[in-house]
Amino acid sequence: MGNHDLPKVPHDAGSQRRTLSLTAYAIVCRCEPRAPCAGALFVQALRAPSTGGTTQGKEAQMANAEKSAAIAEITDKFRESGAAVLTEYRGLTVAQLSQLRSSIREHATYAVVKNTLTERAAKEAGITAFDGHLQGPSAIAFITGDPVEAAKGLRDFAKAHPLLVIKAGVLDGKPLAPEDITKLADLESREVLLAKLAGAMKGSLTKAAYLFVAPLSQTARVVDALRQKLEEQGTATPAAAADEATTDVAEGGDES
């Protein structure tokens, strides 16, 4: 396109000077339909509405919603658990973490968590035991079953895999240091304690039953001795036979 193809711009002295816009260039630009000229594409790009800000805003809103949902979920786990243990799993493999989850599944849920979200969730749940410990790759055992068995599982796994670090815990709202969790793991389990209690109660009941039954046994023997005396001394009076029978039992004592 030569200069002679461009529209003439009048330069009247009394009129205001006008400049030719890029849009006008695009309109008068004579290009093949299959190969639009660079000027037309540039103008279209300038005139196209920008949607980048809107998309970023929506993504930010979605991210905030996801964070709020995650915080609420962790808060609920804290409130629903009787105890919780914070660990660091740096260096452990996915297979090893799966093994740990399986070993304590009956009593606890082992979940990898984000530190910043967990810190906010702990505050909302009123837990201060993890303050200053939420650093590095963190995972929490949320204990809903027997805390002693869960502590045993964590302790035994840490012995076999030293990369697992037990950092802190909470039991019924009370903070636990790592040594407290070890002491908890050393306690006998709930089942063992209940079995011992049942055994002690059974022994006490047996003794009580013997105390109740013993006098009845002695009375039965007195009656049996009285019957034998009456049969042997057919002419003796029942009162005399009863006295003799009672005397015999008293002298012989309880043979049982």
Protein backbone atom coordinates (compact mmCIF):
# COMPACT_ATOMS: atom_id res chain seq x y z
CA MET A 1 0.00 0.00 0.00
CA GLY A 2 1.54 3.29 -1.08
CA ASN A 3 1.23 6.71 0.39
CA HIS A 4 -1.18 7.68 -2.37
CA ASP A 5 -3.71 5.18 -0.99
CA LEU A 6 -3.92 6.90 2.42
CA PRO A 7 -6.78 9.35 2.92
CA LYS A 8 -5.86 12.96 2.75
CA VAL A 9 -5.99 14.85 5.99
CA PRO A 10 -7.06 18.43 5.46
CA HIS A 11 -5.01 21.13 7.11
CA ASP A 12 -7.34 24.07 7.00
CA ALA A 13 -6.02 26.94 8.98
CA GLY A 14 -9.42 27.66 10.57
CA SER A 15 -10.24 24.10 11.42
CA GLN A 16 -8.77 21.97 14.18
CA ARG A 17 -6.06 19.55 13.06
CA ARG A 18 -7.17 15.93 13.18
CA THR A 19 -5.00 12.85 13.39
CA LEU A 20 -5.76 9.59 11.79
CA SER A 21 -6.44 6.88 14.43
CA LEU A 22 -5.25 3.31 14.28
CA THR A 23 -8.85 2.29 13.76
CA ALA A 24 -9.03 4.30 10.57
CA TYR A 25 -5.86 2.64 9.35
CA ALA A 26 -7.41 -0.73 9.99
CA ILE A 27 -10.53 0.19 8.05
CA VAL A 28 -8.70 1.46 5.01
CA CYS A 29 -5.99 -1.20 5.17
CA ARG A 30 -6.34 -3.34 2.06
CA CYS A 31 -5.20 -6.85 2.82
CA GLU A 32 -6.20 -10.26 1.63
CA PRO A 33 -9.03 -11.86 3.72
CA ARG A 34 -6.91 -14.92 4.47
CA ALA A 35 -3.94 -12.85 5.64
CA PRO A 36 -5.09 -9.93 7.79
CA CYS A 37 -2.59 -7.15 8.07
CA ALA A 38 -0.61 -6.61 11.22
CA GLY A 39 -2.22 -3.25 11.80
CA ALA A 40 -5.70 -4.73 11.94
CA LEU A 41 -4.64 -7.44 14.39
CA PHE A 42 -2.93 -4.90 16.61
CA VAL A 43 -6.03 -2.72 16.69
CA GLN A 44 -8.24 -5.68 17.49
CA ALA A 45 -5.89 -6.63 20.33
CA LEU A 46 -6.09 -3.11 21.71
CA ARG A 47 -9.86 -3.02 21.46
CA ALA A 48 -10.41 -6.53 22.96
CA PRO A 49 -11.63 -6.33 26.58
CA SER A 50 -9.14 -7.60 29.16
CA THR A 51 -10.44 -10.49 31.32
CA GLY A 52 -7.25 -11.27 33.23
CA GLY A 53 -8.22 -9.32 36.33
CA THR A 54 -11.63 -10.99 36.57
CA THR A 55 -10.15 -14.49 36.26
CA GLN A 56 -7.55 -13.79 38.92
CA GLY A 57 -10.23 -12.47 41.21
CA LYS A 58 -12.31 -15.61 40.80
CA GLU A 59 -9.26 -17.80 41.43
CA ALA A 60 -8.47 -15.83 44.59
CA GLN A 61 -12.03 -16.26 45.81
CA MET A 62 -11.91 -20.00 45.12
CA ALA A 63 -8.58 -20.30 46.94
CA ASN A 64 -9.93 -18.47 49.98
CA ALA A 65 -13.02 -20.68 50.03
CA GLU A 66 -10.87 -23.82 49.89
CA LYS A 67 -8.66 -22.56 52.71
CA SER A 68 -11.68 -21.76 54.87
CA ALA A 69 -13.11 -25.22 54.25
CA ALA A 70 -9.78 -26.86 55.14
CA ILE A 71 -9.50 -24.84 58.37
CA ALA A 72 -13.05 -25.79 59.33
CA GLU A 73 -12.33 -29.49 58.67
CA ILE A 74 -9.18 -29.50 60.81
CA THR A 75 -11.00 -27.60 63.57
CA ASP A 76 -13.74 -30.24 63.61
CA LYS A 77 -11.14 -33.01 63.82
CA PHE A 78 -9.56 -31.34 66.85
CA ARG A 79 -12.94 -31.00 68.56
CA GLU A 80 -14.03 -34.56 67.78
CA SER A 81 -10.77 -36.15 68.99
CA GLY A 82 -10.01 -37.01 72.59
CA ALA A 83 -6.31 -36.60 71.86
CA ALA A 84 -3.97 -35.55 69.05
CA VAL A 85 -0.26 -36.04 68.39
CA LEU A 86 1.81 -33.77 66.11
CA THR A 87 4.62 -35.44 64.15
CA GLU A 88 7.19 -34.53 61.51
CA TYR A 89 7.55 -37.05 58.69
CA ARG A 90 10.48 -35.59 56.74
CA GLY A 91 12.25 -38.33 54.77
CA LEU A 92 9.54 -40.97 55.09
CA THR A 93 8.18 -42.55 51.93
CA VAL A 94 4.54 -42.75 50.89
CA ALA A 95 4.58 -46.49 51.58
CA GLN A 96 5.90 -45.93 55.10
CA LEU A 97 3.23 -43.32 55.83
CA SER A 98 0.58 -45.76 54.62
CA GLN A 99 2.02 -48.40 56.94
CA LEU A 100 1.79 -45.97 59.87
CA ARG A 101 -1.82 -45.11 59.03
CA SER A 102 -2.74 -48.78 58.94
CA SER A 103 -1.03 -49.52 62.27
CA ILE A 104 -3.11 -46.96 64.20
CA ARG A 105 -6.26 -46.92 62.07
CA GLU A 106 -8.35 -48.61 64.77
CA HIS A 107 -7.71 -45.79 67.22
CA ALA A 108 -6.64 -42.72 65.20
CA THR A 109 -6.62 -40.99 61.83
CA TYR A 110 -3.20 -39.92 60.57
CA ALA A 111 -3.38 -36.91 58.25
CA VAL A 112 -0.79 -34.69 56.56
CA VAL A 113 -1.60 -31.03 57.26
CA LYS A 114 -0.50 -27.55 56.22
CA ASN A 115 1.13 -25.63 59.04
CA THR A 116 -0.52 -22.23 58.51
CA LEU A 117 -4.01 -23.71 58.19
CA THR A 118 -3.47 -26.01 61.17
CA GLU A 119 -2.26 -23.13 63.29
CA ARG A 120 -5.48 -21.22 62.59
CA ALA A 121 -7.60 -24.32 63.18
CA ALA A 122 -5.88 -25.03 66.50
CA LYS A 123 -6.62 -21.48 67.64
CA GLU A 124 -10.28 -21.86 66.74
CA ALA A 125 -10.41 -25.16 68.64
CA GLY A 126 -8.72 -23.60 71.68
CA ILE A 127 -5.58 -25.76 71.43
CA THR A 128 -2.24 -24.22 72.35
CA ALA A 129 -0.18 -27.41 72.65
CA PHE A 130 1.16 -27.07 69.08
CA ASP A 131 2.25 -23.44 69.34
CA GLY A 132 5.78 -23.09 68.00
CA HIS A 133 5.89 -26.71 66.76
CA LEU A 134 4.16 -26.33 63.38
CA GLN A 135 7.31 -26.27 61.27
CA GLY A 136 8.51 -28.54 58.52
CA PRO A 137 6.42 -31.33 56.95
CA SER A 138 3.73 -31.99 59.57
CA ALA A 139 1.15 -34.71 60.12
CA ILE A 140 -1.26 -35.19 63.01
CA ALA A 141 -2.71 -38.34 64.53
CA PHE A 142 -6.29 -37.42 65.50
CA ILE A 143 -7.14 -39.99 68.20
CA THR A 144 -10.77 -40.99 68.64
CA GLY A 145 -10.16 -44.43 70.20
CA ASP A 146 -7.81 -45.63 72.91
CA PRO A 147 -5.06 -43.00 73.34
CA VAL A 148 -2.73 -45.54 74.95
CA GLU A 149 -2.91 -47.89 71.96
CA ALA A 150 -2.48 -44.99 69.53
CA ALA A 151 0.57 -43.77 71.47
CA LYS A 152 2.00 -47.30 71.42
CA GLY A 153 1.58 -47.45 67.64
CA LEU A 154 3.34 -44.12 67.14
CA ARG A 155 6.14 -45.03 69.56
CA ASP A 156 6.77 -48.42 67.96
CA PHE A 157 6.77 -46.95 64.45
CA ALA A 158 9.20 -44.21 65.52
CA LYS A 159 11.52 -46.87 66.94
CA ALA A 160 11.50 -48.75 63.64
CA HIS A 161 11.64 -45.54 61.55
CA PRO A 162 13.62 -42.85 63.41
CA LEU A 163 12.75 -40.27 60.72
CA LEU A 164 9.32 -39.97 62.33
CA VAL A 165 9.62 -37.28 65.02
CA ILE A 166 6.96 -36.98 67.72
CA LYS A 167 6.88 -33.25 68.52
CA ALA A 168 3.89 -32.56 70.80
CA GLY A 169 0.46 -33.75 71.79
CA VAL A 170 -2.76 -32.89 73.56
CA LEU A 171 -4.97 -35.15 75.72
CA ASP A 172 -8.34 -33.93 76.96
CA GLY A 173 -7.19 -30.36 76.39
CA LYS A 174 -3.93 -30.77 78.30
CA PRO A 175 -0.60 -30.31 76.46
CA LEU A 176 1.73 -33.31 76.19
CA ALA A 177 5.49 -33.19 75.67
CA PRO A 178 7.18 -36.02 73.71
CA GLU A 179 8.24 -37.71 76.97
CA ASP A 180 4.62 -37.59 78.18
CA ILE A 181 3.52 -39.41 75.05
CA THR A 182 6.18 -42.05 75.71
CA LYS A 183 4.88 -42.52 79.26
CA LEU A 184 1.36 -42.81 77.89
CA ALA A 185 2.52 -45.52 75.51
CA ASP A 186 4.12 -47.44 78.40
CA LEU A 187 0.78 -47.73 80.23
CA GLU A 188 -1.26 -50.89 80.00
CA SER A 189 -4.05 -50.77 77.47
CA ARG A 190 -7.69 -50.30 78.39
CA GLU A 191 -8.45 -53.94 77.59
CA VAL A 192 -5.73 -55.19 79.93
CA LEU A 193 -6.87 -52.90 82.74
CA LEU A 194 -10.47 -54.01 82.31
CA ALA A 195 -9.40 -57.67 82.34
CA LYS A 196 -7.48 -57.16 85.58
CA LEU A 197 -10.42 -55.35 87.12
CA ALA A 198 -12.77 -58.12 86.07
CA GLY A 199 -10.42 -60.72 87.59
CA ALA A 200 -10.27 -58.83 90.87
CA MET A 201 -14.04 -58.49 90.97
CA LYS A 202 -14.48 -62.19 90.19
CA GLY A 203 -12.19 -63.13 93.09
CA SER A 204 -14.12 -60.87 95.44
CA LEU A 205 -17.45 -62.32 94.32
CA THR A 206 -16.15 -65.88 94.85
CA LYS A 207 -15.11 -65.04 98.39
CA ALA A 208 -18.45 -63.38 99.09
CA ALA A 209 -20.35 -66.39 97.71
CA TYR A 210 -18.32 -68.73 99.93
CA LEU A 211 -19.15 -66.65 103.01
CA PHE A 212 -22.85 -66.86 102.17
CA VAL A 213 -22.82 -70.56 101.35
CA ALA A 214 -20.70 -71.80 104.29
CA PRO A 215 -23.34 -71.33 107.04
CA LEU A 216 -25.93 -73.12 104.91
CA SER A 217 -23.56 -76.05 104.48
CA GLN A 218 -23.02 -76.31 108.20
CA THR A 219 -26.81 -76.22 108.82
CA ALA A 220 -27.38 -78.99 106.29
CA ARG A 221 -24.83 -81.16 108.04
CA VAL A 222 -26.51 -80.59 111.40
CA VAL A 223 -29.86 -81.65 109.94
CA ASP A 224 -28.33 -84.74 108.33
CA ALA A 225 -26.65 -85.73 111.60
CA LEU A 226 -29.95 -85.29 113.42
CA ARG A 227 -31.70 -87.57 110.95
CA GLN A 228 -29.06 -90.28 111.38
CA LYS A 229 -29.30 -90.12 115.18
CA LEU A 230 -33.07 -90.49 115.07
CA GLU A 231 -32.78 -93.54 112.84
CA GLU A 232 -30.16 -95.17 115.09
CA GLN A 233 -31.90 -94.37 118.38
CA GLY A 234 -35.39 -95.14 117.44
CA THR A 235 -36.60 -94.71 121.06
CA ALA A 236 -34.64 -91.57 121.86
CA THR A 237 -36.45 -88.32 122.05
CA PRO A 238 -35.92 -85.89 119.14
CA ALA A 239 -34.61 -83.20 121.47
CA ALA A 240 -31.89 -85.48 122.92
CA ALA A 241 -30.93 -86.65 119.42
CA ALA A 242 -30.70 -83.07 118.24
CA ASP A 243 -28.43 -82.18 121.15
CA GLU A 244 -26.14 -85.11 120.41
CA ALA A 245 -26.04 -84.35 116.68
CA THR A 246 -25.18 -80.74 117.31
CA THR A 247 -22.43 -81.78 119.72
CA ASP A 248 -20.95 -84.20 117.16
CA VAL A 249 -20.84 -81.58 114.43
CA ALA A 250 -19.36 -79.04 116.80
CA GLU A 251 -16.61 -81.42 117.85
CA GLY A 252 -15.89 -82.62 114.32
CA GLY A 253 -15.86 -79.11 112.84
CA ASP A 254 -16.19 -78.32 109.17
CA GLU A 255 -14.29 -80.92 107.21
CA SER A 256 -14.47 -79.03 103.96
